[in-house]
Amino acid sequence: MAIVVVLEMPGMTQAQYEQSADKVAGRPGPVRSPADWPVAGLISHTSAPMDGGWLVVDVWESEEAFREFGKTLLPILQELGLHDVQPRTYPVFNVVTR
């Protein structure tokens, strides 16, 4: 079952987000496609500034796919000084894309 993952990261800057995206993709530059992720299963990724930090909302094909990605993501976030990121997950009811 597909899930929505919400990551609210107080204190994260745009520069840190860009660094994390470089590390996730394994190359410099913006993430442009689900193929840029190190594991399969990403349906969509959205990021935005929020008051005092950064917000990421992903849709994943399954919780298992997101957990596998977490093995890559969490060490990157910790390396950037973000130690208490707690993803919230929700079951997907509907996904609409262009």
C-alpha atoms as a PDB file:
ATOM      1  CA  MET A   1       0.000   0.000   0.000  1.00  0.00           C
ATOM      2  CA  ALA A   2       1.308   3.474  -0.877  1.00  0.00           C
ATOM      3  CA  ILE A   3       2.156   5.880   1.926  1.00  0.00           C
ATOM      4  CA  VAL A   4       2.652   9.618   2.369  1.00  0.00           C
ATOM      5  CA  VAL A   5       5.752  10.568   4.353  1.00  0.00           C
ATOM      6  CA  VAL A   6       5.957  13.999   5.998  1.00  0.00           C
ATOM      7  CA  LEU A   7       9.311  15.241   7.278  1.00  0.00           C
ATOM      8  CA  GLU A   8       9.304  18.531   9.166  1.00  0.00           C
ATOM      9  CA  MET A   9      12.894  19.515   9.853  1.00  0.00           C
ATOM     10  CA  PRO A  10      13.215  22.535  12.157  1.00  0.00           C
ATOM     11  CA  GLY A  11      16.516  24.311  11.695  1.00  0.00           C
ATOM     12  CA  MET A  12      17.237  22.853   8.259  1.00  0.00           C
ATOM     13  CA  THR A  13      18.277  25.436   5.694  1.00  0.00           C
ATOM     14  CA  GLN A  14      17.866  25.364   1.933  1.00  0.00           C
ATOM     15  CA  ALA A  15      21.618  24.829   1.646  1.00  0.00           C
ATOM     16  CA  GLN A  16      21.412  21.776   3.913  1.00  0.00           C
ATOM     17  CA  TYR A  17      18.475  20.438   1.896  1.00  0.00           C
ATOM     18  CA  GLU A  18      20.499  20.849  -1.298  1.00  0.00           C
ATOM     19  CA  GLN A  19      23.479  19.092   0.327  1.00  0.00           C
ATOM     20  CA  SER A  20      21.248  16.209   1.383  1.00  0.00           C
ATOM     21  CA  ALA A  21      19.805  15.928  -2.139  1.00  0.00           C
ATOM     22  CA  ASP A  22      23.336  15.829  -3.600  1.00  0.00           C
ATOM     23  CA  LYS A  23      24.261  13.036  -1.204  1.00  0.00           C
ATOM     24  CA  VAL A  24      21.048  11.077  -1.845  1.00  0.00           C
ATOM     25  CA  ALA A  25      21.490  11.301  -5.619  1.00  0.00           C
ATOM     26  CA  GLY A  26      25.223  10.629  -5.405  1.00  0.00           C
ATOM     27  CA  ARG A  27      25.984  13.628  -7.578  1.00  0.00           C
ATOM     28  CA  PRO A  28      25.745  17.416  -7.392  1.00  0.00           C
ATOM     29  CA  GLY A  29      22.670  19.210  -8.652  1.00  0.00           C
ATOM     30  CA  PRO A  30      18.953  19.100  -8.023  1.00  0.00           C
ATOM     31  CA  VAL A  31      16.992  15.895  -7.777  1.00  0.00           C
ATOM     32  CA  ARG A  32      14.773  15.839 -10.851  1.00  0.00           C
ATOM     33  CA  SER A  33      13.405  12.315 -11.068  1.00  0.00           C
ATOM     34  CA  PRO A  34      12.547   9.323  -8.865  1.00  0.00           C
ATOM     35  CA  ALA A  35      15.429   7.603 -10.672  1.00  0.00           C
ATOM     36  CA  ASP A  36      17.763   9.932  -8.723  1.00  0.00           C
ATOM     37  CA  TRP A  37      16.885   8.086  -5.506  1.00  0.00           C
ATOM     38  CA  PRO A  38      19.114   5.185  -4.382  1.00  0.00           C
ATOM     39  CA  VAL A  39      16.162   2.792  -3.986  1.00  0.00           C
ATOM     40  CA  ALA A  40      13.054   2.073  -6.008  1.00  0.00           C
ATOM     41  CA  GLY A  41       9.576   3.004  -4.894  1.00  0.00           C
ATOM     42  CA  LEU A  42       9.411   6.797  -4.845  1.00  0.00           C
ATOM     43  CA  ILE A  43       6.253   8.129  -6.512  1.00  0.00           C
ATOM     44  CA  SER A  44       6.678  11.840  -5.753  1.00  0.00           C
ATOM     45  CA  HIS A  45       8.873  14.215  -3.770  1.00  0.00           C
ATOM     46  CA  THR A  46       8.068  17.786  -2.772  1.00  0.00           C
ATOM     47  CA  SER A  47      10.144  20.112  -0.620  1.00  0.00           C
ATOM     48  CA  ALA A  48       9.508  23.613   0.660  1.00  0.00           C
ATOM     49  CA  PRO A  49      10.723  26.093   3.232  1.00  0.00           C
ATOM     50  CA  MET A  50       8.635  26.298   6.398  1.00  0.00           C
ATOM     51  CA  ASP A  51       8.860  28.655   9.344  1.00  0.00           C
ATOM     52  CA  GLY A  52      12.268  27.963  10.849  1.00  0.00           C
ATOM     53  CA  GLY A  53      13.144  24.945   8.751  1.00  0.00           C
ATOM     54  CA  TRP A  54      12.372  22.704   5.817  1.00  0.00           C
ATOM     55  CA  LEU A  55       9.414  20.491   4.872  1.00  0.00           C
ATOM     56  CA  VAL A  56       9.487  17.367   2.695  1.00  0.00           C
ATOM     57  CA  VAL A  57       6.409  15.429   1.576  1.00  0.00           C
ATOM     58  CA  ASP A  58       6.984  12.181  -0.307  1.00  0.00           C
ATOM     59  CA  VAL A  59       4.702   9.502  -1.656  1.00  0.00           C
ATOM     60  CA  TRP A  60       6.198   6.009  -1.636  1.00  0.00           C
ATOM     61  CA  GLU A  61       4.870   2.793  -3.171  1.00  0.00           C
ATOM     62  CA  SER A  62       5.136   1.073   0.224  1.00  0.00           C
ATOM     63  CA  GLU A  63       6.337   1.515   3.762  1.00  0.00           C
ATOM     64  CA  GLU A  64       9.041  -1.062   3.045  1.00  0.00           C
ATOM     65  CA  ALA A  65      10.420   1.061   0.179  1.00  0.00           C
ATOM     66  CA  PHE A  66      10.558   4.113   2.434  1.00  0.00           C
ATOM     67  CA  ARG A  67      12.245   2.137   5.235  1.00  0.00           C
ATOM     68  CA  GLU A  68      14.907   1.007   2.751  1.00  0.00           C
ATOM     69  CA  PHE A  69      15.440   4.633   1.694  1.00  0.00           C
ATOM     70  CA  GLY A  70      15.669   5.627   5.360  1.00  0.00           C
ATOM     71  CA  LYS A  71      18.858   3.552   5.631  1.00  0.00           C
ATOM     72  CA  THR A  72      20.434   6.080   3.251  1.00  0.00           C
ATOM     73  CA  LEU A  73      18.610   9.228   4.345  1.00  0.00           C
ATOM     74  CA  LEU A  74      18.917   9.169   8.135  1.00  0.00           C
ATOM     75  CA  PRO A  75      22.749   9.008   8.222  1.00  0.00           C
ATOM     76  CA  ILE A  76      22.849  11.918   5.738  1.00  0.00           C
ATOM     77  CA  LEU A  77      20.538  14.010   7.912  1.00  0.00           C
ATOM     78  CA  GLN A  78      22.594  13.179  11.009  1.00  0.00           C
ATOM     79  CA  GLU A  79      25.786  14.168   9.177  1.00  0.00           C
ATOM     80  CA  LEU A  80      24.138  17.542   8.475  1.00  0.00           C
ATOM     81  CA  GLY A  81      23.351  17.993  12.172  1.00  0.00           C
ATOM     82  CA  LEU A  82      19.672  16.981  12.065  1.00  0.00           C
ATOM     83  CA  HIS A  83      19.441  14.273  14.720  1.00  0.00           C
ATOM     84  CA  ASP A  84      15.786  14.217  15.731  1.00  0.00           C
ATOM     85  CA  VAL A  85      13.934  13.935  12.420  1.00  0.00           C
ATOM     86  CA  GLN A  86      10.787  11.878  12.986  1.00  0.00           C
ATOM     87  CA  PRO A  87       9.004  10.955   9.740  1.00  0.00           C
ATOM     88  CA  ARG A  88       5.224  10.793   9.945  1.00  0.00           C
ATOM     89  CA  THR A  89       3.550   8.301   7.622  1.00  0.00           C
ATOM     90  CA  TYR A  90      -0.021   8.022   6.440  1.00  0.00           C
ATOM     91  CA  PRO A  91      -1.772   5.538   4.154  1.00  0.00           C
ATOM     92  CA  VAL A  92      -2.513   7.007   0.728  1.00  0.00           C
ATOM     93  CA  PHE A  93      -6.129   7.342  -0.302  1.00  0.00           C
ATOM     94  CA  ASN A  94      -5.554   9.058  -3.655  1.00  0.00           C
ATOM     95  CA  VAL A  95      -2.645  10.367  -5.717  1.00  0.00           C
ATOM     96  CA  VAL A  96      -3.106  12.765  -8.625  1.00  0.00           C
ATOM     97  CA  THR A  97      -0.174  13.708 -10.843  1.00  0.00           C
ATOM     98  CA  ARG A  98       0.147  15.663 -14.022  1.00  0.00           C
END
